[in-house]
Amino acid sequence: MWDEETGHHLRWHASVGTVDRAVRQAARDAELAKRVSCHTLRHSFATHLLEAGYGIRTVQELLGHKHVETTMIYTHVANLGTLAVRSPLDLVGA
């Protein structure tokens, strides 16, 4: 954000607890039945990336996992279907 009076760029920081409370409140306001936290958003992000065809190593790097085995947990919940298998022939002419 930009401060018009001083011409300086403004920054603000929020604690993890503040952000997590805001996410939980948003879930309550949306009347979601399931419990939601920031970690839920992290899981959703990883699952959606895998379902969109991103590679496991890419997701590993984005999540900051040291071991790919940790990231592979998300493959169990992702609905990969045929997206998980790509033929090199699919790339021809793309």
Protein backbone atom coordinates (compact mmCIF):
# COMPACT_ATOMS: atom_id res chain seq x y z
CA MET A 1 0.00 0.00 0.00
CA TRP A 2 1.22 3.52 -0.76
CA ASP A 3 0.98 6.45 1.69
CA GLU A 4 -0.11 9.47 -0.40
CA GLU A 5 1.07 12.02 2.18
CA THR A 6 4.61 10.75 2.74
CA GLY A 7 5.18 8.99 -0.56
CA HIS A 8 6.35 5.90 1.30
CA HIS A 9 5.38 2.32 0.76
CA LEU A 10 3.51 1.01 3.82
CA ARG A 11 3.75 -2.50 5.18
CA TRP A 12 1.88 -4.26 7.90
CA HIS A 13 2.38 -7.60 9.54
CA ALA A 14 -0.14 -9.89 11.18
CA SER A 15 0.60 -12.69 13.58
CA VAL A 16 -0.20 -16.27 12.66
CA GLY A 17 -2.90 -16.32 15.32
CA THR A 18 -4.56 -13.21 13.92
CA VAL A 19 -4.67 -14.64 10.40
CA ASP A 20 -5.91 -18.02 11.63
CA ARG A 21 -8.71 -16.38 13.65
CA ALA A 22 -9.74 -14.36 10.59
CA VAL A 23 -9.87 -17.52 8.45
CA ARG A 24 -11.94 -19.34 11.08
CA GLN A 25 -14.31 -16.37 11.38
CA ALA A 26 -14.73 -16.26 7.60
CA ALA A 27 -15.60 -19.97 7.64
CA ARG A 28 -18.19 -19.36 10.37
CA ASP A 29 -19.61 -16.39 8.46
CA ALA A 30 -19.89 -18.61 5.37
CA GLU A 31 -21.65 -21.20 7.55
CA LEU A 32 -19.25 -23.96 6.57
CA ALA A 33 -19.88 -27.19 8.44
CA LYS A 34 -16.24 -28.27 8.51
CA ARG A 35 -13.53 -26.78 10.70
CA VAL A 36 -11.28 -24.48 8.65
CA SER A 37 -7.82 -23.11 9.40
CA CYS A 38 -4.88 -21.66 7.49
CA HIS A 39 -3.50 -25.19 7.32
CA THR A 40 -6.72 -26.26 5.56
CA LEU A 41 -5.96 -23.66 2.88
CA ARG A 42 -2.43 -25.05 2.54
CA HIS A 43 -3.81 -28.57 1.98
CA SER A 44 -6.34 -27.26 -0.53
CA PHE A 45 -3.63 -25.34 -2.40
CA ALA A 46 -1.42 -28.44 -2.69
CA THR A 47 -4.31 -30.67 -3.74
CA HIS A 48 -5.51 -28.23 -6.41
CA LEU A 49 -1.99 -27.89 -7.82
CA LEU A 50 -1.69 -31.66 -8.18
CA GLU A 51 -5.15 -31.91 -9.73
CA ALA A 52 -4.17 -29.16 -12.19
CA GLY A 53 -1.26 -31.30 -13.35
CA TYR A 54 1.66 -29.65 -11.54
CA GLY A 55 4.48 -32.04 -10.72
CA ILE A 56 5.09 -33.38 -7.25
CA ARG A 57 8.53 -31.71 -7.11
CA THR A 58 7.01 -28.32 -7.94
CA VAL A 59 4.45 -28.71 -5.16
CA GLN A 60 7.20 -29.90 -2.80
CA GLU A 61 9.20 -26.75 -3.46
CA LEU A 62 6.22 -24.43 -3.09
CA LEU A 63 5.26 -25.99 0.23
CA GLY A 64 8.83 -25.99 1.49
CA HIS A 65 8.94 -29.70 2.22
CA LYS A 66 12.40 -31.18 2.72
CA HIS A 67 11.35 -34.69 1.67
CA VAL A 68 9.13 -35.53 -1.30
CA GLU A 69 7.49 -38.27 0.80
CA THR A 70 5.87 -35.55 2.90
CA THR A 71 4.42 -33.94 -0.22
CA MET A 72 3.22 -37.28 -1.58
CA ILE A 73 0.61 -37.38 1.19
CA TYR A 74 -1.40 -34.98 -0.97
CA THR A 75 -1.55 -37.48 -3.83
CA HIS A 76 -3.80 -39.65 -1.66
CA VAL A 77 -6.51 -37.00 -1.48
CA ALA A 78 -6.08 -35.47 -4.93
CA ASN A 79 -8.48 -36.61 -7.64
CA LEU A 80 -5.80 -37.10 -10.26
CA GLY A 81 -7.62 -39.36 -12.68
CA THR A 82 -5.88 -39.42 -16.04
CA LEU A 83 -4.10 -36.13 -15.30
CA ALA A 84 -1.52 -38.06 -13.32
CA VAL A 85 -0.36 -39.90 -16.44
CA ARG A 86 0.86 -37.86 -19.39
CA SER A 87 2.17 -39.30 -22.59
CA PRO A 88 5.02 -37.52 -24.36
CA LEU A 89 2.81 -37.74 -27.44
CA ASP A 90 0.34 -35.41 -25.74
CA LEU A 91 2.95 -32.66 -25.99
CA VAL A 92 3.41 -33.03 -29.75
CA GLY A 93 1.79 -30.11 -31.51
CA ALA A 94 0.91 -28.38 -28.23
